[in-house]
Amino acid sequence: MARTPRVKQWFAPGRVNLIGEHTDYNMGFVMPVALDMGCTVRAAPARRPVLHLSSAQYPGEMIFPLDAIPSMKRTGAWADYVLGVAREIAALGFELKPMRLEIDASVPTGGGLSSSAALEVASALALLDGRELPKLEIARLCQRAEREFVGMPCGIMDQYAALFGEEHKAILLDCRSVTHQYVPIPDGVEIVIANTMVKHELGSSAYRQRVAECQQALSFFPGRESLRDVTLADLERASRQMPEIPLARARHVILENQRVQDFLAAALRNDVAAMGRLMVESHRSLQHDYEVSCEELDFLVDTALTIEGVHGSRMTGGGFGGCTVSLVDRSAADAFRERLSAAYQQKYGLVPAIYRCTPSAGARRIA
């Protein structure tokens, strides 16, 4: 009697970034939280030397010969995130095993909650199939897959958060040293995500443009490795020579890095009001200096700030749609959800998906 191939399941979480937006690719500081939503990959041996991919979120199946994967070009489909990871694993000297990967995601795509990194990390664990590789190396290979194969010049925050998440904690990640410390979430408050349910087409191209604008700003500071090394005093001295746009982008990055440090200090002393104020300052900077917000995000933030029990709110993720993140008293979370949803529906005719978040553990095998 033929044996049924053993199915293994791997899970990697999405993430929400509490503060520190667009600082990761500038070697700065970020503070993400791993979510209880994420991506699950069911892996079983394939009968032929192929990688067989299917997704609960997308129709059809895709089959790729293993020997072709190391030299493949991107397809433009969702499978590129998995293929990029497979290429990186092969480049490290691991043999790719014939596999059927069935993918299902509970984290929404296009919402700024890092569905792509969750897919990359869960796929990496499935393709490694128990072969040892340090968490940081898995994060790096997944980042390379997204940067070099998919073509998105991302920092390492998303992949790192997917691997190093911890229950009830945020992660303060230093994107230069690629080290972290865990930050406790004060008792009595909840992290609540609201999804605009829109993603403007400008998002992807504008992300690349912001990366380029930061590099343009950095060119005014010879010898500095990144905008993290530039102070406000430096920026003030150079401001007369800098065009308005790179000046504004640099100002956001410099001040946002300081906000992350101030947020850490506030969290450690349980000062929820200060944490909330810093979130709002972050949003205004993203709205005006970095120019990555949009009408729907601004409406959700402005409305949230009128609701009792809300300490702070900001956009999270790349921008131009996606999600906001708010810090809300636990006792007010239900009322917050109802009022925010009703206001958004009345304004835009859309029902925002609203999630009460549980800071969760990082990627792992679940079956």
Foldseek 3Di string as FASTA:
>chain_A
DDDDWDKWKWFFFFKWWLFQPPQLLQQFKTKIFTFPWAKMKIKTADPAQWEKEDEPVDDDIDIGHQVCLLPDADDPDLCLLLSLLSNLCVVVPDRFGHMYIYMYGPDDPLQQRQRSLRVNLRSNCNRCVPPDDDLVVSLVSSQCSCCPHVNQNDGSVGNSNQAAFAFQWIWIARSNVRDTDTFHAFPQKFKKKWFLPDADPCQRVLNVVLSVLQVVLCVLPPPDPGLCPAEPVNLVVCVVVDDQQSSLSSVLNRVRSVLVVVLRVCRVVVNLLSSAVSQAVNQVSCVPSVNQEDPSQVVLQVQLVVFPFWNHKHRTHRHRGHMMITMGGPVCVVVSQVRSQVVSCVVPVDGIDMDGTTRHGHMDIDD
